[in-house]
Amino acid sequence: MKKFLNKVVPTLIKFVPVCAALMLVINSNSTSTILNGQPEAPKGLKKYRKF
């Protein structure tokens, strides 16, 4: 059992940052998809824009 853990634990330690990076990419892509898919702002709202 100890040999098994000595092989598996280092592999899992290397796998966790890869999963975190993958989740970051998936989350940022889904956020940008939501923002790009928004409808056009109403004309009444455009008069409040200062730029």
PDB file of N, CA and C in Angstrom:
ATOM      1  N   MET A   1       0.825  -1.193   0.000  1.00  0.00           N
ATOM      2  CA  MET A   1       0.000   0.000   0.000  1.00  0.00           C
ATOM      3  C   MET A   1       0.872   1.261   0.000  1.00  0.00           C
ATOM      4  N   LYS A   2       1.971   1.207   0.718  1.00  0.00           N
ATOM      5  CA  LYS A   2       2.841   2.373   0.787  1.00  0.00           C
ATOM      6  C   LYS A   2       3.481   2.660  -0.573  1.00  0.00           C
ATOM      7  N   LYS A   3       3.840   1.602  -1.311  1.00  0.00           N
ATOM      8  CA  LYS A   3       4.402   1.799  -2.654  1.00  0.00           C
ATOM      9  C   LYS A   3       3.373   2.458  -3.567  1.00  0.00           C
ATOM     10  N   PHE A   4       2.147   1.995  -3.444  1.00  0.00           N
ATOM     11  CA  PHE A   4       1.072   2.547  -4.266  1.00  0.00           C
ATOM     12  C   PHE A   4       0.885   4.038  -3.967  1.00  0.00           C
ATOM     13  N   LEU A   5       0.847   4.390  -2.692  1.00  0.00           N
ATOM     14  CA  LEU A   5       0.680   5.796  -2.321  1.00  0.00           C
ATOM     15  C   LEU A   5       1.870   6.638  -2.760  1.00  0.00           C
ATOM     16  N   ASN A   6       3.060   6.073  -2.703  1.00  0.00           N
ATOM     17  CA  ASN A   6       4.246   6.815  -3.131  1.00  0.00           C
ATOM     18  C   ASN A   6       4.220   7.112  -4.628  1.00  0.00           C
ATOM     19  N   LYS A   7       3.508   6.313  -5.400  1.00  0.00           N
ATOM     20  CA  LYS A   7       3.396   6.571  -6.834  1.00  0.00           C
ATOM     21  C   LYS A   7       2.204   7.464  -7.163  1.00  0.00           C
ATOM     22  N   VAL A   8       1.122   7.315  -6.439  1.00  0.00           N
ATOM     23  CA  VAL A   8      -0.110   8.029  -6.777  1.00  0.00           C
ATOM     24  C   VAL A   8      -0.102   9.473  -6.277  1.00  0.00           C
ATOM     25  N   VAL A   9       0.371   9.704  -5.079  1.00  0.00           N
ATOM     26  CA  VAL A   9       0.308  11.042  -4.489  1.00  0.00           C
ATOM     27  C   VAL A   9       1.085  12.075  -5.312  1.00  0.00           C
ATOM     28  N   PRO A  10       2.311  11.816  -5.753  1.00  0.00           N
ATOM     29  CA  PRO A  10       2.990  12.827  -6.585  1.00  0.00           C
ATOM     30  C   PRO A  10       2.257  13.105  -7.901  1.00  0.00           C
ATOM     31  N   THR A  11       1.648  12.086  -8.458  1.00  0.00           N
ATOM     32  CA  THR A  11       0.884  12.290  -9.691  1.00  0.00           C
ATOM     33  C   THR A  11      -0.322  13.182  -9.431  1.00  0.00           C
ATOM     34  N   LEU A  12      -1.012  12.953  -8.337  1.00  0.00           N
ATOM     35  CA  LEU A  12      -2.164  13.793  -8.000  1.00  0.00           C
ATOM     36  C   LEU A  12      -1.750  15.228  -7.704  1.00  0.00           C
ATOM     37  N   ILE A  13      -0.601  15.395  -7.078  1.00  0.00           N
ATOM     38  CA  ILE A  13      -0.115  16.745  -6.779  1.00  0.00           C
ATOM     39  C   ILE A  13       0.171  17.505  -8.072  1.00  0.00           C
ATOM     40  N   LYS A  14       0.648  16.827  -9.090  1.00  0.00           N
ATOM     41  CA  LYS A  14       0.897  17.471 -10.384  1.00  0.00           C
ATOM     42  C   LYS A  14      -0.405  17.715 -11.142  1.00  0.00           C
ATOM     43  N   PHE A  15      -1.416  16.914 -10.884  1.00  0.00           N
ATOM     44  CA  PHE A  15      -2.675  16.987 -11.615  1.00  0.00           C
ATOM     45  C   PHE A  15      -3.565  18.129 -11.123  1.00  0.00           C
ATOM     46  N   VAL A  16      -3.472  18.496  -9.866  1.00  0.00           N
ATOM     47  CA  VAL A  16      -4.345  19.522  -9.287  1.00  0.00           C
ATOM     48  C   VAL A  16      -4.149  20.889  -9.954  1.00  0.00           C
ATOM     49  N   PRO A  17      -2.930  21.397 -10.165  1.00  0.00           N
ATOM     50  CA  PRO A  17      -2.795  22.697 -10.842  1.00  0.00           C
ATOM     51  C   PRO A  17      -3.307  22.680 -12.282  1.00  0.00           C
ATOM     52  N   VAL A  18      -3.176  21.550 -12.942  1.00  0.00           N
ATOM     53  CA  VAL A  18      -3.689  21.442 -14.313  1.00  0.00           C
ATOM     54  C   VAL A  18      -5.206  21.576 -14.301  1.00  0.00           C
ATOM     55  N   CYS A  19      -5.852  20.928 -13.344  1.00  0.00           N
ATOM     56  CA  CYS A  19      -7.311  21.035 -13.227  1.00  0.00           C
ATOM     57  C   CYS A  19      -7.726  22.468 -12.900  1.00  0.00           C
ATOM     58  N   ALA A  20      -6.974  23.125 -12.037  1.00  0.00           N
ATOM     59  CA  ALA A  20      -7.300  24.505 -11.672  1.00  0.00           C
ATOM     60  C   ALA A  20      -7.181  25.430 -12.886  1.00  0.00           C
ATOM     61  N   ALA A  21      -6.140  25.252 -13.675  1.00  0.00           N
ATOM     62  CA  ALA A  21      -5.972  26.076 -14.876  1.00  0.00           C
ATOM     63  C   ALA A  21      -7.086  25.806 -15.882  1.00  0.00           C
ATOM     64  N   LEU A  22      -7.464  24.556 -16.016  1.00  0.00           N
ATOM     65  CA  LEU A  22      -8.546  24.199 -16.934  1.00  0.00           C
ATOM     66  C   LEU A  22      -9.860  24.826 -16.493  1.00  0.00           C
ATOM     67  N   MET A  23     -10.151  24.790 -15.220  1.00  0.00           N
ATOM     68  CA  MET A  23     -11.386  25.392 -14.720  1.00  0.00           C
ATOM     69  C   MET A  23     -11.369  26.911 -14.910  1.00  0.00           C
ATOM     70  N   LEU A  24     -10.210  27.532 -14.774  1.00  0.00           N
ATOM     71  CA  LEU A  24     -10.093  28.973 -14.997  1.00  0.00           C
ATOM     72  C   LEU A  24     -10.415  29.319 -16.450  1.00  0.00           C
ATOM     73  N   VAL A  25      -9.891  28.539 -17.382  1.00  0.00           N
ATOM     74  CA  VAL A  25     -10.155  28.784 -18.805  1.00  0.00           C
ATOM     75  C   VAL A  25     -11.630  28.577 -19.123  1.00  0.00           C
ATOM     76  N   ILE A  26     -12.212  27.513 -18.598  1.00  0.00           N
ATOM     77  CA  ILE A  26     -13.631  27.240 -18.859  1.00  0.00           C
ATOM     78  C   ILE A  26     -14.500  28.356 -18.291  1.00  0.00           C
ATOM     79  N   ASN A  27     -14.190  28.802 -17.091  1.00  0.00           N
ATOM     80  CA  ASN A  27     -14.988  29.848 -16.454  1.00  0.00           C
ATOM     81  C   ASN A  27     -14.867  31.170 -17.202  1.00  0.00           C
ATOM     82  N   SER A  28     -13.668  31.546 -17.602  1.00  0.00           N
ATOM     83  CA  SER A  28     -13.502  32.819 -18.305  1.00  0.00           C
ATOM     84  C   SER A  28     -14.146  32.770 -19.686  1.00  0.00           C
ATOM     85  N   ASN A  29     -14.107  31.621 -20.348  1.00  0.00           N
ATOM     86  CA  ASN A  29     -14.765  31.505 -21.649  1.00  0.00           C
ATOM     87  C   ASN A  29     -16.275  31.602 -21.510  1.00  0.00           C
ATOM     88  N   SER A  30     -16.844  30.995 -20.482  1.00  0.00           N
ATOM     89  CA  SER A  30     -18.292  31.065 -20.314  1.00  0.00           C
ATOM     90  C   SER A  30     -18.723  32.479 -19.953  1.00  0.00           C
ATOM     91  N   THR A  31     -17.895  33.202 -19.198  1.00  0.00           N
ATOM     92  CA  THR A  31     -18.222  34.580 -18.848  1.00  0.00           C
ATOM     93  C   THR A  31     -18.190  35.467 -20.085  1.00  0.00           C
ATOM     94  N   SER A  32     -17.178  35.315 -20.923  1.00  0.00           N
ATOM     95  CA  SER A  32     -17.099  36.154 -22.117  1.00  0.00           C
ATOM     96  C   SER A  32     -18.209  35.815 -23.101  1.00  0.00           C
ATOM     97  N   THR A  33     -18.646  34.569 -23.130  1.00  0.00           N
ATOM     98  CA  THR A  33     -19.759  34.194 -24.002  1.00  0.00           C
ATOM     99  C   THR A  33     -21.035  34.876 -23.546  1.00  0.00           C
ATOM    100  N   ILE A  34     -21.247  34.931 -22.237  1.00  0.00           N
ATOM    101  CA  ILE A  34     -22.439  35.598 -21.715  1.00  0.00           C
ATOM    102  C   ILE A  34     -22.393  37.089 -22.032  1.00  0.00           C
ATOM    103  N   LEU A  35     -21.220  37.715 -21.865  1.00  0.00           N
ATOM    104  CA  LEU A  35     -21.115  39.153 -22.113  1.00  0.00           C
ATOM    105  C   LEU A  35     -21.276  39.482 -23.590  1.00  0.00           C
ATOM    106  N   ASN A  36     -20.747  38.655 -24.461  1.00  0.00           N
ATOM    107  CA  ASN A  36     -20.859  38.913 -25.895  1.00  0.00           C
ATOM    108  C   ASN A  36     -22.258  38.641 -26.412  1.00  0.00           C
ATOM    109  N   GLY A  37     -23.029  37.862 -25.701  1.00  0.00           N
ATOM    110  CA  GLY A  37     -24.362  37.512 -26.164  1.00  0.00           C
ATOM    111  C   GLY A  37     -25.451  38.434 -25.662  1.00  0.00           C
ATOM    112  N   GLN A  38     -25.096  39.537 -25.005  1.00  0.00           N
ATOM    113  CA  GLN A  38     -26.105  40.442 -24.468  1.00  0.00           C
ATOM    114  C   GLN A  38     -26.766  41.222 -25.600  1.00  0.00           C
ATOM    115  N   PRO A  39     -28.052  41.521 -25.454  1.00  0.00           N
ATOM    116  CA  PRO A  39     -28.724  42.332 -26.476  1.00  0.00           C
ATOM    117  C   PRO A  39     -28.231  43.778 -26.437  1.00  0.00           C
ATOM    118  N   GLU A  40     -28.541  44.511 -27.463  1.00  0.00           N
ATOM    119  CA  GLU A  40     -28.128  45.915 -27.547  1.00  0.00           C
ATOM    120  C   GLU A  40     -28.831  46.729 -26.460  1.00  0.00           C
ATOM    121  N   ALA A  41     -28.120  47.725 -25.940  1.00  0.00           N
ATOM    122  CA  ALA A  41     -28.684  48.562 -24.875  1.00  0.00           C
ATOM    123  C   ALA A  41     -29.813  49.424 -25.424  1.00  0.00           C
ATOM    124  N   PRO A  42     -30.842  49.674 -24.626  1.00  0.00           N
ATOM    125  CA  PRO A  42     -31.944  50.527 -25.080  1.00  0.00           C
ATOM    126  C   PRO A  42     -31.479  51.967 -25.315  1.00  0.00           C
ATOM    127  N   LYS A  43     -32.208  52.705 -26.146  1.00  0.00           N
ATOM    128  CA  LYS A  43     -31.825  54.084 -26.468  1.00  0.00           C
ATOM    129  C   LYS A  43     -31.888  54.978 -25.241  1.00  0.00           C
ATOM    130  N   GLY A  44     -32.809  54.722 -24.340  1.00  0.00           N
ATOM    131  CA  GLY A  44     -32.908  55.519 -23.116  1.00  0.00           C
ATOM    132  C   GLY A  44     -31.687  55.379 -22.232  1.00  0.00           C
ATOM    133  N   LEU A  45     -31.040  54.245 -22.286  1.00  0.00           N
ATOM    134  CA  LEU A  45     -29.854  54.014 -21.470  1.00  0.00           C
ATOM    135  C   LEU A  45     -28.617  54.653 -22.093  1.00  0.00           C
ATOM    136  N   LYS A  46     -28.598  54.783 -23.394  1.00  0.00           N
ATOM    137  CA  LYS A  46     -27.417  55.313 -24.083  1.00  0.00           C
ATOM    138  C   LYS A  46     -27.161  56.781 -23.755  1.00  0.00           C
ATOM    139  N   LYS A  47     -28.181  57.540 -23.359  1.00  0.00           N
ATOM    140  CA  LYS A  47     -27.964  58.958 -23.059  1.00  0.00           C
ATOM    141  C   LYS A  47     -27.159  59.158 -21.778  1.00  0.00           C
ATOM    142  N   TYR A  48     -27.040  58.121 -20.939  1.00  0.00           N
ATOM    143  CA  TYR A  48     -26.274  58.225 -19.703  1.00  0.00           C
ATOM    144  C   TYR A  48     -24.795  57.912 -19.895  1.00  0.00           C
ATOM    145  N   ARG A  49     -24.416  57.488 -21.069  1.00  0.00           N
ATOM    146  CA  ARG A  49     -23.009  57.162 -21.317  1.00  0.00           C
ATOM    147  C   ARG A  49     -22.221  58.454 -21.467  1.00  0.00           C
ATOM    148  N   LYS A  50     -21.067  58.523 -20.836  1.00  0.00           N
ATOM    149  CA  LYS A  50     -20.278  59.761 -20.823  1.00  0.00           C
ATOM    150  C   LYS A  50     -19.094  59.721 -21.780  1.00  0.00           C
ATOM    151  N   PHE A  51     -18.908  58.636 -22.523  1.00  0.00           N
ATOM    152  CA  PHE A  51     -17.736  58.571 -23.395  1.00  0.00           C
ATOM    153  C   PHE A  51     -18.121  58.448 -24.834  1.00  0.00           C
TER     154      PHE A  51
END
